[in-house]
C-alpha cells in the first residue's frame, strides 16, 4: 500500500504449490514480520502434504499410493480444538519485489518437509527479523519429539514445550532477490537460543545501539504442568555484526514469583503486591526508544495493569506499575499496545465492568505516580447496526462494581480470594437483589474488571453478578495457582462458596435467590456447587461443562488436564502415551 494506505501498489498471489494455509492466529502460533529494509516478509504457513492416492484410483508417478490415511503422509496430527487445521507450520520468506517465495530449511525438524522423516517434527511460529536483517528468530514447539511423543491440544494450553531459535537467511534472501531462484540454499545451521528453558516464547528486539541489540523473551526454565502459569522475563545480547547471540549474555530480568511480594518494592495494586508476570506474549513494540525499559500488560490480581520493566544492566525485578486514568474509574483494567512512531506517546486502552474500552495516549516517559493521558476514541458497547444506530446506554452508568476480598482458612496456600461484584443502581433500596455467581473456566485464567456485554445486560436487567477468581486463577502468584492442582472439585468449590457468602454479607443480596453460571471448568464448578450446596445455590446454568473426568480422559485432546487437576502436578507423564490405571480413574471419578 502507498499514499497512507489509500492505494494498492503491489499484489502478490501465492501459489498453492508453495504451501498450505497461512497461519493468521497471531495470538499464538502465527506471525508476519517485515525485514528492516522492508524488502522481504517472513510468515508461518502449513507445509503441503505429500501427494497420495488410493490403491484403487488413478495416480501419477509422484503419488504415494495408499498413503492418504498414513500418519506422516496423507494425515498429520493436529493441535486439537481450534487448531484442527494446524499440523505442520513452517517459516516462509517472500521477496516483495520479485514475488519469490521459499521455505526456510535450516530449522529444527526440516527433515519432515520432504518426507524423509515421518516424525512429528516441530511447529514453528512467532517469527521476527533480527535488527540486522540477516536472520529470523522464532519459536519452535515440540510437535511429537522426545518431550511430547503425542500431540496434545494447544488452545489455552500455555505449557506446551517450546524454545526460541534463530536461523541465518542471508543467502536465501539474496537468492529470492534474483529473477529465478535456485534449488539449493546453504545458509548456516540454526541455533537454539534458549536450550535450558522448557518454555520460551515471544521474542522481541530493541533498537540496535553500538552494534548490539537486546533480545527479550518470556521463559520458564522448569515449566509447569498446569495450563497457565507465571513467566520470567529474560534478555540476551544480540551482536548485529555477526547476527548471533552473544555467548553467556542471558539475564533473568524478572523472576517467576511464587507469592505476591516475593519480588518488587512492595507497591500494591488493589491491595496486592506484584504477583509475577502473567501474560501470553509481549507487545510487538514493547521497548522504549532508549531501549532501557520494556512496557507491557500483566494480570495483577483482578485487574489488567500496564507496567514498565527496567532492563538496564544490573536491574532485576524492577517493575513499575504505570498509573493513569482515562475515565475516572477506581479499579479499571488497562492495556498497552505500543508507542507512536516518534516514541513520544504510548497507545493504551482502559475498560471497566460498566464501560467499554476507551483508547488513549500517555505522555512518555511513563511515570509511576501519575502519567499525563488523554482519550482519543470511545468504543461503543455493541456494534452499530440498522437496529442500534445509537448507543444503547451511556457508558459508566446503570450499575457499579466493587472488588471484594475473602480470606479462606482451608487449603495449604491461604492467599485471599478476589471477587468482582456488579450491582445495579439503587441496589438493595426497594428489595434485595437476585445474584448470579460466575466462576471462570480454565481453571487457570482470570476474570478482570473489564466490560463484558452479556453480564452488563444482566446487571442492567436487575441482577447482581459476582465474578469469582478462586485460588488457581492467574494473576495471584504461582503458588496460589498451583494450589488448585489435585484439589479440583474441593478447594475451588469452597472458595466460590466463601466468596458468595462474602457478597451476601454486603447486605444487598437475597440469599434465597442465588444462582451459578459457568462454562468448561466454570460449568464443572456450577455442577459441583448446586450439587454440594443446594441450600445456597437454587439454579445452575452449565455451558460445555466437564461433568465426568473419568470418561473425558481417554476422549479429550488434553488428557494432562484430567491428571493434573484431579491427581496433582507431576502425575501426567508427558514423555509417553498411556491410558489411566484403575486407581487413577477412581480418583478422577471422585473429583
Protein backbone atom coordinates (compact mmCIF):
# COMPACT_ATOMS: atom_id res chain seq x y z
CA UNK A 1 0.00 0.00 0.00
CA UNK A 2 1.09 3.59 -0.68
CA UNK A 3 -0.27 7.11 -0.08
CA UNK A 4 -1.02 6.34 3.58
CA UNK A 5 -2.91 3.18 2.75
CA UNK A 6 -5.09 4.74 0.04
CA UNK A 7 -3.54 3.00 -2.96
CA UNK A 8 -2.66 -0.65 -3.56
CA UNK A 9 0.76 -0.66 -5.23
CA UNK A 10 1.52 -4.38 -5.36
CA UNK A 11 -0.42 -7.60 -5.02
CA UNK A 12 1.33 -10.98 -4.84
CA UNK A 13 -0.68 -14.12 -5.49
CA UNK A 14 0.72 -17.13 -3.59
CA UNK A 15 0.57 -20.47 -5.36
CA UNK A 16 -0.98 -23.44 -3.54
CA UNK A 17 2.03 -25.43 -4.72
CA UNK A 18 4.28 -23.41 -2.39
CA UNK A 19 2.49 -24.02 0.90
CA UNK A 20 -0.88 -24.52 2.51
CA UNK A 21 -2.96 -22.16 4.61
CA UNK A 22 -1.21 -19.15 6.12
CA UNK A 23 -1.50 -19.13 9.91
CA UNK A 24 -3.25 -15.94 10.98
CA UNK A 25 -3.55 -16.90 14.64
CA UNK A 26 -1.33 -14.06 15.78
CA UNK A 27 -2.25 -14.66 19.42
CA UNK A 28 -0.18 -17.86 19.46
CA UNK A 29 1.34 -19.78 16.52
CA UNK A 30 1.03 -17.21 13.76
CA UNK A 31 3.15 -14.25 12.85
CA UNK A 32 4.12 -11.95 9.98
CA UNK A 33 7.19 -9.73 10.16
CA UNK A 34 8.77 -7.22 7.76
CA UNK A 35 12.52 -7.19 7.27
CA UNK A 36 14.23 -3.97 8.47
CA UNK A 37 14.60 -2.69 4.90
CA UNK A 38 11.01 -3.79 4.06
CA UNK A 39 12.18 -5.86 1.08
CA UNK A 40 11.01 -9.20 2.49
CA UNK A 41 8.41 -10.78 4.75
CA UNK A 42 8.69 -13.85 6.96
CA UNK A 43 5.47 -15.64 7.89
CA UNK A 44 4.15 -19.03 9.02
CA UNK A 45 2.12 -21.40 6.85
CA UNK A 46 1.24 -25.08 6.61
CA UNK A 47 3.66 -27.36 4.79
CA UNK A 48 1.89 -29.13 1.93
CA UNK A 49 1.22 -32.80 2.43
CA UNK A 50 2.88 -35.29 0.05
CA UNK A 51 0.68 -36.31 -2.85
CA UNK A 52 -1.12 -39.54 -2.00
CA UNK A 53 -3.83 -41.56 -3.69
CA UNK A 54 -5.85 -44.70 -3.14
CA UNK A 55 -4.77 -48.10 -4.44
CA UNK A 56 -8.00 -48.09 -6.46
CA UNK A 57 -7.67 -44.65 -8.05
CA UNK A 58 -5.70 -43.33 -10.98
CA UNK A 59 -2.45 -41.88 -9.77
CA UNK A 60 0.60 -40.14 -11.12
CA UNK A 61 4.19 -41.23 -10.69
CA UNK A 62 4.71 -38.78 -7.81
CA UNK A 63 1.80 -40.11 -5.76
CA UNK A 64 2.37 -42.20 -2.64
CA UNK A 65 -0.09 -44.98 -3.35
CA UNK A 66 -2.14 -45.93 -0.31
CA UNK A 67 -0.69 -43.10 1.74
CA UNK A 68 -3.77 -40.92 2.04
CA UNK A 69 -4.57 -42.30 5.51
CA UNK A 70 -0.99 -42.88 6.66
CA UNK A 71 0.19 -40.75 9.58
CA UNK A 72 3.00 -38.50 8.41
CA UNK A 73 1.94 -38.73 4.76
CA UNK A 74 -1.70 -38.06 3.97
CA UNK A 75 -2.65 -37.48 7.61
CA UNK A 76 -0.99 -35.46 10.34
CA UNK A 77 -1.64 -34.90 14.00
CA UNK A 78 -3.18 -31.52 14.69
CA UNK A 79 -3.22 -29.37 17.82
CA UNK A 80 -6.80 -30.13 18.84
CA UNK A 81 -9.72 -27.78 19.41
CA UNK A 82 -9.47 -24.59 17.31
CA UNK A 83 -6.26 -25.89 15.73
CA UNK A 84 -7.63 -28.81 13.72
CA UNK A 85 -6.11 -27.25 10.57
CA UNK A 86 -2.76 -26.65 12.26
CA UNK A 87 -0.42 -29.60 11.88
CA UNK A 88 2.99 -28.65 10.48
CA UNK A 89 3.74 -24.93 10.38
CA UNK A 90 6.98 -23.77 8.76
CA UNK A 91 8.63 -20.42 8.03
CA UNK A 92 8.41 -18.92 4.55
CA UNK A 93 10.23 -15.91 3.11
CA UNK A 94 8.69 -13.68 0.47
CA UNK A 95 10.58 -11.05 -1.53
CA UNK A 96 8.05 -8.29 -2.18
CA UNK A 97 9.84 -7.05 -5.31
CA UNK A 98 10.30 -10.34 -7.19
CA UNK A 99 7.39 -12.22 -5.63
CA UNK A 100 9.64 -15.23 -4.99
CA UNK A 101 8.71 -17.41 -2.01
CA UNK A 102 10.80 -20.13 -0.37
CA UNK A 103 10.60 -22.25 2.74
CA UNK A 104 13.30 -21.74 5.36
CA UNK A 105 15.05 -25.11 5.63
CA UNK A 106 17.82 -24.54 8.17
CA UNK A 107 15.35 -25.01 11.04
CA UNK A 108 14.70 -27.80 13.56
CA UNK A 109 12.65 -30.69 12.15
CA UNK A 110 13.12 -29.76 8.48
CA UNK A 111 13.61 -33.43 7.50
CA UNK A 112 9.82 -33.76 7.70
CA UNK A 113 9.26 -31.25 4.89
CA UNK A 114 10.44 -33.50 2.05
CA UNK A 115 9.06 -36.72 3.52
CA UNK A 116 12.44 -38.18 4.52
CA UNK A 117 11.07 -38.42 8.07
CA UNK A 118 7.54 -39.14 9.25
CA UNK A 119 8.06 -37.92 12.79
CA UNK A 120 6.11 -35.10 14.40
CA UNK A 121 8.85 -32.58 13.77
CA UNK A 122 8.48 -29.05 15.07
CA UNK A 123 5.79 -26.44 14.61
CA UNK A 124 7.39 -23.03 14.03
CA UNK A 125 5.78 -19.66 14.74
CA UNK A 126 6.02 -16.13 16.18
CA UNK A 127 8.81 -15.15 13.72
CA UNK A 128 10.59 -11.79 13.82
CA UNK A 129 13.60 -10.38 11.98
CA UNK A 130 16.88 -9.65 13.66
CA UNK A 131 17.75 -5.91 13.59
CA UNK A 132 20.49 -6.55 11.00
CA UNK A 133 18.04 -8.31 8.67
CA UNK A 134 20.25 -11.37 8.13
CA UNK A 135 18.46 -13.78 10.49
CA UNK A 136 14.99 -14.68 11.66
CA UNK A 137 14.22 -15.52 15.29
CA UNK A 138 11.22 -17.70 16.05
CA UNK A 139 9.58 -20.16 18.44
CA UNK A 140 9.63 -23.92 17.87
CA UNK A 141 7.09 -26.17 19.59
CA UNK A 142 7.92 -29.80 20.17
CA UNK A 143 5.41 -31.49 17.86
CA UNK A 144 5.94 -35.13 18.63
CA UNK A 145 9.57 -35.42 19.70
CA UNK A 146 11.20 -36.75 22.85
CA UNK A 147 9.39 -34.34 25.19
CA UNK A 148 5.92 -34.92 23.80
CA UNK A 149 5.51 -38.03 21.62
CA UNK A 150 1.79 -37.42 21.35
CA UNK A 151 0.48 -34.10 20.05
CA UNK A 152 -1.79 -32.58 22.71
CA UNK A 153 -4.31 -29.74 22.47
CA UNK A 154 -2.91 -26.20 22.31
CA UNK A 155 -5.88 -23.88 22.90
CA UNK A 156 -5.45 -22.20 26.32
CA UNK A 157 -2.56 -24.60 27.00
CA UNK A 158 0.44 -22.37 27.59
CA UNK A 159 2.72 -25.08 28.99
CA UNK A 160 3.47 -26.97 25.77
CA UNK A 161 7.28 -27.30 25.42
CA UNK A 162 8.75 -24.58 23.20
CA UNK A 163 12.09 -22.87 22.69
CA UNK A 164 13.43 -19.92 20.74
CA UNK A 165 15.68 -20.46 17.71
CA UNK A 166 17.48 -18.32 15.16
CA UNK A 167 18.26 -19.14 11.53
CA UNK A 168 20.50 -17.24 9.14
CA UNK A 169 18.70 -16.33 5.90
CA UNK A 170 21.37 -14.15 4.29
CA UNK A 171 21.96 -16.46 1.32
CA UNK A 172 18.26 -17.24 0.97
CA UNK A 173 17.43 -13.53 0.80
CA UNK A 174 19.99 -13.00 -1.94
CA UNK A 175 18.57 -15.91 -3.90
CA UNK A 176 14.99 -14.62 -3.56
CA UNK A 177 16.03 -11.25 -4.96
CA UNK A 178 17.02 -12.91 -8.25
CA UNK A 179 14.51 -13.33 -11.04
CA UNK A 180 14.99 -17.09 -10.95
CA UNK A 181 15.82 -18.71 -7.62
CA UNK A 182 17.97 -21.83 -7.25
CA UNK A 183 17.01 -25.04 -5.53
CA UNK A 184 19.99 -25.44 -3.20
CA UNK A 185 20.41 -22.95 -0.37
CA UNK A 186 23.25 -23.33 2.13
CA UNK A 187 22.75 -20.85 4.97
CA UNK A 188 24.38 -21.61 8.32
CA UNK A 189 22.71 -24.15 10.65
CA UNK A 190 20.08 -22.94 13.09
CA UNK A 191 20.89 -22.11 16.72
CA UNK A 192 18.77 -22.79 19.80
CA UNK A 193 18.86 -19.59 21.84
CA UNK A 194 17.11 -20.99 24.95
CA UNK A 195 18.36 -24.58 25.38
CA UNK A 196 17.95 -24.58 29.17
CA UNK A 197 14.34 -23.34 29.20
CA UNK A 198 11.42 -25.72 28.94
CA UNK A 199 9.20 -22.81 27.94
CA UNK A 200 10.41 -19.81 25.91
CA UNK A 201 8.32 -17.63 23.62
CA UNK A 202 7.54 -14.11 22.38
CA UNK A 203 10.98 -12.88 21.19
CA UNK A 204 11.32 -9.10 20.86
CA UNK A 205 14.27 -6.91 19.81
CA UNK A 206 15.25 -3.43 20.95
CA UNK A 207 16.62 -0.84 18.57
CA UNK A 208 20.33 -1.55 17.93
CA UNK A 209 22.85 0.64 19.74
CA UNK A 210 26.62 0.48 19.25
CA UNK A 211 26.37 -2.78 17.30
CA UNK A 212 24.26 -4.54 19.94
CA UNK A 213 20.55 -5.11 20.37
CA UNK A 214 18.67 -6.59 23.33
CA UNK A 215 16.58 -9.70 22.70
CA UNK A 216 13.81 -10.04 25.30
CA UNK A 217 11.51 -13.01 25.72
CA UNK A 218 9.23 -14.81 28.18
CA UNK A 219 10.60 -18.02 29.69
CA UNK A 220 10.17 -20.58 32.43
CA UNK A 221 13.14 -22.85 32.97
CA UNK A 222 11.29 -25.68 34.71
CA UNK A 223 7.93 -25.12 33.05
CA UNK A 224 4.69 -26.09 34.77
CA UNK A 225 2.07 -28.81 34.39
CA UNK A 226 -0.95 -26.53 34.76
CA UNK A 227 -2.29 -24.97 31.56
CA UNK A 228 -1.27 -21.50 32.66
CA UNK A 229 1.42 -20.08 34.89
CA UNK A 230 3.83 -17.34 35.83
CA UNK A 231 6.60 -16.48 33.36
CA UNK A 232 10.01 -14.89 33.79
CA UNK A 233 11.32 -12.09 31.59
CA UNK A 234 14.77 -12.80 30.17
CA UNK A 235 17.14 -10.90 27.92
CA UNK A 236 20.21 -11.74 25.84
CA UNK A 237 22.54 -9.51 23.84
CA UNK A 238 22.44 -9.78 20.04
CA UNK A 239 25.54 -8.90 18.02
CA UNK A 240 24.30 -7.16 14.85
CA UNK A 241 27.64 -7.69 13.06
CA UNK A 242 27.58 -11.49 13.40
CA UNK A 243 23.78 -11.80 13.61
CA UNK A 244 24.15 -14.09 16.60
CA UNK A 245 23.50 -14.15 20.33
CA UNK A 246 26.44 -13.03 22.45
CA UNK A 247 27.63 -16.06 24.41
CA UNK A 248 26.73 -16.15 28.14
CA UNK A 249 24.76 -12.91 27.92
CA UNK A 250 21.45 -14.31 29.17
CA UNK A 251 19.97 -12.46 32.12
CA UNK A 252 16.78 -13.03 34.13
CA UNK A 253 15.25 -9.57 34.47
CA UNK A 254 12.04 -10.57 36.28
CA UNK A 255 11.86 -13.88 38.12
CA UNK A 256 8.95 -16.30 38.42
CA UNK A 257 7.03 -15.16 41.52
CA UNK A 258 5.65 -17.76 43.91
CA UNK A 259 3.69 -15.40 46.18
CA UNK A 260 2.82 -11.70 45.77
CA UNK A 261 5.52 -9.56 47.32
CA UNK A 262 8.35 -12.08 46.91
CA UNK A 263 9.95 -9.60 44.49
CA UNK A 264 9.45 -5.90 43.85
CA UNK A 265 9.46 -2.81 46.06
CA UNK A 266 6.20 -3.50 47.89
CA UNK A 267 4.00 -1.34 45.66
CA UNK A 268 0.39 -2.52 45.76
CA UNK A 269 -2.33 -2.50 43.10
CA UNK A 270 -5.83 -3.04 44.50
CA UNK A 271 -4.32 -4.45 47.69
CA UNK A 272 -1.87 -6.89 46.02
CA UNK A 273 1.88 -6.64 45.74
CA UNK A 274 3.47 -7.69 42.45
CA UNK A 275 2.27 -11.28 41.72
CA UNK A 276 4.61 -12.02 38.79
CA UNK A 277 4.23 -11.84 35.03
CA UNK A 278 1.00 -13.38 33.78
CA UNK A 279 0.78 -12.73 30.05
CA UNK A 280 0.94 -14.79 26.87
CA UNK A 281 3.00 -12.50 24.65
CA UNK A 282 4.91 -9.24 24.86
CA UNK A 283 3.65 -6.38 22.67
CA UNK A 284 5.30 -6.24 19.25
CA UNK A 285 6.87 -2.86 20.06
CA UNK A 286 7.50 -3.20 23.78
CA UNK A 287 10.88 -1.44 24.15
CA UNK A 288 11.05 2.26 24.89
CA UNK A 289 13.06 4.17 22.28
CA UNK A 290 16.12 4.34 24.52
CA UNK A 291 15.99 0.55 24.96
CA UNK A 292 16.17 0.79 28.75
CA UNK A 293 12.61 -0.30 29.60
CA UNK A 294 10.00 -2.80 28.42
CA UNK A 295 6.36 -1.77 28.65
CA UNK A 296 3.71 -4.47 28.71
CA UNK A 297 0.46 -5.55 30.39
CA UNK A 298 0.11 -8.19 33.08
CA UNK A 299 -2.67 -9.59 35.22
CA UNK A 300 -2.24 -8.07 38.67
CA UNK A 301 -4.92 -9.56 40.87
CA UNK A 302 -8.31 -8.94 39.28
CA UNK A 303 -7.13 -6.04 37.10
CA UNK A 304 -5.00 -5.83 33.98
CA UNK A 305 -2.18 -3.39 34.68
CA UNK A 306 0.30 -1.59 32.42
CA UNK A 307 3.82 -1.96 33.80
CA UNK A 308 7.29 -0.72 32.93
CA UNK A 309 10.27 -3.06 33.49
CA UNK A 310 13.84 -1.80 33.64
CA UNK A 311 16.26 -3.83 31.51
CA UNK A 312 19.31 -1.73 32.35
CA UNK A 313 22.48 -3.62 33.24
CA UNK A 314 22.19 -4.84 36.82
CA UNK A 315 18.45 -4.18 37.12
CA UNK A 316 16.43 -7.11 38.47
CA UNK A 317 12.77 -7.33 39.39
CA UNK A 318 12.50 -3.57 38.82
CA UNK A 319 8.78 -3.49 37.95
CA UNK A 320 6.90 -0.21 37.92
CA UNK A 321 3.07 -0.04 37.68
CA UNK A 322 2.08 2.86 35.42
CA UNK A 323 -0.74 4.87 36.96
CA UNK A 324 -3.10 6.77 34.67
CA UNK A 325 -6.84 7.21 34.41
CA UNK A 326 -8.75 7.86 31.21
CA UNK A 327 -12.30 7.66 32.62
CA UNK A 328 -12.22 8.24 36.37
CA UNK A 329 -12.60 4.54 37.16
CA UNK A 330 -11.30 3.32 40.50
CA UNK A 331 -10.37 -0.25 39.54
CA UNK A 332 -10.24 -0.19 35.75
CA UNK A 333 -8.33 -2.69 33.61
CA UNK A 334 -5.81 -1.20 31.21
CA UNK A 335 -3.80 -2.45 28.22
CA UNK A 336 -0.65 -1.26 26.46
CA UNK A 337 -0.46 -1.68 22.65
CA UNK A 338 2.66 0.17 21.52
CA UNK A 339 4.36 3.51 21.01
CA UNK A 340 3.81 6.22 18.43
CA UNK A 341 6.44 6.38 15.68
CA UNK A 342 8.49 9.04 17.46
CA UNK A 343 8.27 7.23 20.81
CA UNK A 344 6.80 10.30 22.50
CA UNK A 345 3.48 8.67 23.42
CA UNK A 346 2.18 5.24 24.41
CA UNK A 347 -1.08 3.83 22.99
CA UNK A 348 -3.32 2.29 25.66
CA UNK A 349 -6.89 1.26 26.39
CA UNK A 350 -8.96 1.30 29.55
CA UNK A 351 -12.16 -0.54 30.41
CA UNK A 352 -14.42 -1.10 33.42
CA UNK A 353 -17.31 -3.50 34.04
CA UNK A 354 -19.80 -0.75 33.13
CA UNK A 355 -17.73 0.92 30.42
CA UNK A 356 -16.43 -0.46 27.08
CA UNK A 357 -12.86 0.25 26.07
CA UNK A 358 -11.64 3.76 25.50
CA UNK A 359 -8.42 4.37 23.55
CA UNK A 360 -5.95 6.87 24.91
CA UNK A 361 -2.43 8.26 24.70
CA UNK A 362 0.11 8.58 27.51
CA UNK A 363 2.98 11.03 27.55
CA UNK A 364 6.44 9.47 27.72
CA UNK A 365 8.47 8.88 29.76
CA UNK A 366 5.90 6.90 31.73
CA UNK A 367 5.61 7.68 35.44
CA UNK A 368 4.63 5.64 38.49
CA UNK A 369 2.67 8.28 40.37
CA UNK A 370 0.66 9.93 37.60
CA UNK A 371 1.21 9.86 33.85
CA UNK A 372 -0.49 12.52 31.75
CA UNK A 373 -3.11 10.98 29.46
CA UNK A 374 -5.92 11.85 27.10
CA UNK A 375 -8.76 9.96 25.40
CA UNK A 376 -8.71 9.77 21.60
CA UNK A 377 -11.61 7.35 20.95
CA UNK A 378 -14.55 5.71 22.73
CA UNK A 379 -15.65 2.25 21.60
CA UNK A 380 -19.41 1.55 21.59
CA UNK A 381 -20.94 -1.13 23.86
CA UNK A 382 -22.21 -3.01 20.81
CA UNK A 383 -21.56 -2.66 17.10
CA UNK A 384 -23.74 -0.06 15.38
CA UNK A 385 -26.32 -1.55 13.03
CA UNK A 386 -29.67 -0.82 11.45
CA UNK A 387 -31.22 -1.96 14.75
CA UNK A 388 -28.99 0.08 17.04
CA UNK A 389 -27.71 3.21 15.36
CA UNK A 390 -27.17 4.98 18.67
CA UNK A 391 -25.51 3.77 21.89
CA UNK A 392 -27.91 1.61 23.91
CA UNK A 393 -26.70 3.23 27.13
CA UNK A 394 -24.37 5.89 28.41
CA UNK A 395 -21.01 4.26 29.32
CA UNK A 396 -20.20 4.36 33.00
CA UNK A 397 -23.85 4.36 34.09
CA UNK A 398 -26.54 1.81 35.00
CA UNK A 399 -24.58 -0.19 37.55
CA UNK A 400 -21.46 -0.04 39.67
CA UNK A 401 -18.78 -2.52 40.64
CA UNK A 402 -16.64 -3.21 43.67
CA UNK A 403 -13.78 -5.56 44.48
CA UNK A 404 -14.28 -7.99 47.37
CA UNK A 405 -11.64 -9.99 49.20
CA UNK A 406 -12.35 -13.18 51.14
CA UNK A 407 -9.83 -14.87 53.43
CA UNK A 408 -10.01 -18.67 53.42
CA UNK A 409 -8.99 -20.91 56.31
CA UNK A 410 -8.87 -24.01 54.10
CA UNK A 411 -6.11 -25.14 51.74
CA UNK A 412 -2.32 -25.03 52.04
CA UNK A 413 -1.85 -21.63 50.34
CA UNK A 414 -4.16 -19.19 52.09
CA UNK A 415 -3.98 -16.28 49.67
CA UNK A 416 -7.11 -14.04 49.62
CA UNK A 417 -9.87 -14.84 47.12
CA UNK A 418 -10.68 -11.86 44.91
CA UNK A 419 -14.17 -11.28 43.50
CA UNK A 420 -15.81 -8.59 41.38
CA UNK A 421 -19.37 -7.67 42.40
CA UNK A 422 -21.60 -5.86 39.89
CA UNK A 423 -24.60 -4.05 41.41
CA UNK A 424 -27.46 -2.29 39.57
CA UNK A 425 -28.08 1.32 40.52
CA UNK A 426 -30.22 1.57 43.65
CA UNK A 427 -29.18 -1.91 44.75
CA UNK A 428 -30.96 -3.08 47.88
CA UNK A 429 -33.11 0.05 48.29
CA UNK A 430 -36.54 -1.38 47.41
CA UNK A 431 -35.72 -5.07 47.73
CA UNK A 432 -32.71 -7.30 47.86
CA UNK A 433 -31.31 -8.50 44.54
CA UNK A 434 -31.02 -11.92 42.94
CA UNK A 435 -27.36 -12.92 42.44
CA UNK A 436 -25.67 -14.73 39.53
CA UNK A 437 -22.32 -16.21 40.58
CA UNK A 438 -19.86 -16.68 37.71
CA UNK A 439 -16.76 -18.83 38.27
CA UNK A 440 -14.47 -18.68 35.23
CA UNK A 441 -13.24 -21.56 33.08
CA UNK A 442 -9.70 -22.74 32.59
CA UNK A 443 -9.34 -23.08 35.55
CA UNK A 444 -6.02 -21.18 35.27
CA UNK A 445 -7.37 -17.93 33.84
CA UNK A 446 -8.78 -14.79 35.45
CA UNK A 447 -11.85 -12.57 35.26
CA UNK A 448 -10.68 -8.96 35.14
CA UNK A 449 -12.50 -5.70 35.76
CA UNK A 450 -13.35 -5.43 32.07
CA UNK A 451 -16.59 -4.80 30.21
CA UNK A 452 -18.49 -7.99 29.32
CA UNK A 453 -21.63 -7.24 27.26
CA UNK A 454 -23.67 -10.28 28.35
CA UNK A 455 -23.20 -9.69 32.07
CA UNK A 456 -23.63 -5.95 31.63
CA UNK A 457 -27.02 -6.75 30.11
CA UNK A 458 -27.99 -8.98 33.05
CA UNK A 459 -26.89 -6.39 35.59
CA UNK A 460 -28.91 -3.68 33.85
CA UNK A 461 -31.84 -6.06 33.99
CA UNK A 462 -31.77 -6.12 37.79
CA UNK A 463 -29.37 -8.95 38.63
CA UNK A 464 -26.29 -8.66 40.78
CA UNK A 465 -23.33 -10.52 39.24
CA UNK A 466 -20.34 -11.94 41.09
CA UNK A 467 -17.15 -12.93 39.21
CA UNK A 468 -15.03 -15.19 41.42
CA UNK A 469 -11.27 -15.54 40.97
CA UNK A 470 -10.80 -18.62 43.13
CA UNK A 471 -7.31 -19.83 44.05
CA UNK A 472 -5.89 -21.33 40.88
CA UNK A 473 -6.58 -18.15 38.91
CA UNK A 474 -3.76 -16.37 37.13
CA UNK A 475 -2.51 -13.06 38.47
CA UNK A 476 -2.09 -14.05 42.11
CA UNK A 477 1.31 -15.77 42.14
CA UNK A 478 2.40 -19.24 41.07
CA UNK A 479 1.90 -20.86 44.50
CA UNK A 480 -1.79 -19.96 44.70
CA UNK A 481 -2.28 -21.06 41.09
CA UNK A 482 -0.71 -24.49 41.64
CA UNK A 483 -2.58 -25.00 44.93
CA UNK A 484 -5.66 -25.94 42.90
CA UNK A 485 -3.94 -28.79 41.04
CA UNK A 486 -5.04 -32.04 42.70
CA UNK A 487 -7.87 -30.37 44.65
CA UNK A 488 -10.34 -29.53 41.83
CA UNK A 489 -13.91 -30.02 42.96
CA UNK A 490 -12.96 -29.32 46.56
CA UNK A 491 -10.79 -26.25 47.14
CA UNK A 492 -12.28 -24.25 44.25
CA UNK A 493 -15.81 -25.16 45.35
CA UNK A 494 -15.16 -23.95 48.89
CA UNK A 495 -13.55 -20.78 47.51
CA UNK A 496 -16.64 -19.91 45.46
CA UNK A 497 -18.93 -20.64 48.41
CA UNK A 498 -16.85 -18.34 50.63
CA UNK A 499 -16.86 -15.57 48.02
CA UNK A 500 -20.64 -15.89 47.61
CA UNK A 501 -21.18 -15.67 51.36
CA UNK A 502 -18.98 -12.56 51.43
CA UNK A 503 -21.15 -10.95 48.73
CA UNK A 504 -24.33 -11.76 50.66
CA UNK A 505 -22.85 -10.11 53.76
CA UNK A 506 -22.69 -6.84 51.79
CA UNK A 507 -26.42 -6.62 52.65
CA UNK A 508 -27.92 -6.14 49.17
CA UNK A 509 -28.29 -9.79 48.03
CA UNK A 510 -31.32 -12.01 48.57
CA UNK A 511 -29.81 -15.27 49.92
CA UNK A 512 -32.81 -17.22 48.63
CA UNK A 513 -32.24 -16.13 45.02
CA UNK A 514 -28.67 -17.16 44.23
CA UNK A 515 -27.75 -18.96 41.01
CA UNK A 516 -24.49 -20.01 39.36
CA UNK A 517 -23.42 -19.89 35.71
CA UNK A 518 -20.19 -21.13 34.16
CA UNK A 519 -18.59 -22.77 31.15
CA UNK A 520 -15.94 -25.50 30.86
CA UNK A 521 -14.28 -25.59 34.30
CA UNK A 522 -16.84 -22.97 35.33
CA UNK A 523 -19.53 -25.45 34.28
CA UNK A 524 -17.72 -28.14 36.27
CA UNK A 525 -17.93 -25.84 39.31
CA UNK A 526 -21.57 -24.95 38.65
CA UNK A 527 -22.48 -28.65 38.78
CA UNK A 528 -20.49 -29.17 41.99
CA UNK A 529 -21.91 -26.06 43.64
CA UNK A 530 -25.56 -26.85 43.07
CA UNK A 531 -24.93 -30.50 43.96
CA UNK A 532 -22.87 -29.92 47.10
CA UNK A 533 -24.63 -26.75 48.28
CA UNK A 534 -28.30 -26.80 47.20
CA UNK A 535 -29.15 -24.73 50.28
CA UNK A 536 -27.16 -21.82 48.79
CA UNK A 537 -27.47 -22.21 45.02
CA UNK A 538 -31.02 -22.57 43.72
CA UNK A 539 -30.34 -22.80 39.98
CA UNK A 540 -27.36 -23.56 37.74
CA UNK A 541 -26.55 -22.90 34.10
CA UNK A 542 -23.72 -25.10 32.81
CA UNK A 543 -22.12 -24.40 29.43
CA UNK A 544 -19.97 -27.19 27.93
CA UNK A 545 -19.24 -28.45 31.45
CA UNK A 546 -16.71 -31.09 32.50
CA UNK A 547 -19.03 -33.45 34.34
CA UNK A 548 -17.20 -36.78 34.10
CA UNK A 549 -13.43 -36.52 34.11
CA UNK A 550 -13.00 -40.31 34.20
CA UNK A 551 -14.70 -40.66 30.83
CA UNK A 552 -13.16 -37.46 29.49
CA UNK A 553 -9.53 -38.51 29.97
CA UNK A 554 -9.43 -41.01 27.08
CA UNK A 555 -11.52 -38.91 24.70
CA UNK A 556 -10.05 -35.42 25.07
CA UNK A 557 -7.06 -33.76 23.41
CA UNK A 558 -5.95 -32.51 26.86
CA UNK A 559 -5.66 -35.68 28.99
CA UNK A 560 -2.95 -33.94 31.02
CA UNK A 561 -5.62 -31.56 32.36
CA UNK A 562 -7.56 -34.53 33.76
CA UNK A 563 -4.50 -35.85 35.58
CA UNK A 564 -3.08 -32.58 36.88
CA UNK A 565 -6.32 -31.05 38.17
CA UNK A 566 -7.52 -34.21 39.91
CA UNK A 567 -4.30 -36.01 40.89
CA UNK A 568 -1.85 -33.10 41.18
CA UNK A 569 1.29 -31.80 39.45
CA UNK A 570 3.71 -34.42 38.15
CA UNK A 571 1.10 -37.13 37.73
CA UNK A 572 0.93 -36.99 33.92
CA UNK A 573 3.88 -38.47 32.06
CA UNK A 574 4.40 -36.22 29.04
CA UNK A 575 7.21 -38.45 27.73
CA UNK A 576 4.94 -41.38 26.87
CA UNK A 577 1.34 -42.05 25.94
CA UNK A 578 -0.60 -44.49 28.08
CA UNK A 579 -4.09 -44.81 29.46
CA UNK A 580 -5.05 -44.26 33.11
CA UNK A 581 -4.92 -47.01 35.70
CA UNK A 582 -7.94 -48.21 37.64
CA UNK A 583 -6.81 -46.27 40.71
CA UNK A 584 -6.37 -43.09 38.68
CA UNK A 585 -9.83 -43.45 37.15
CA UNK A 586 -11.35 -43.89 40.60
CA UNK A 587 -9.80 -40.62 41.79
CA UNK A 588 -10.96 -38.83 38.64
CA UNK A 589 -14.48 -40.16 39.18
CA UNK A 590 -14.48 -38.77 42.72
CA UNK A 591 -13.46 -35.27 41.58
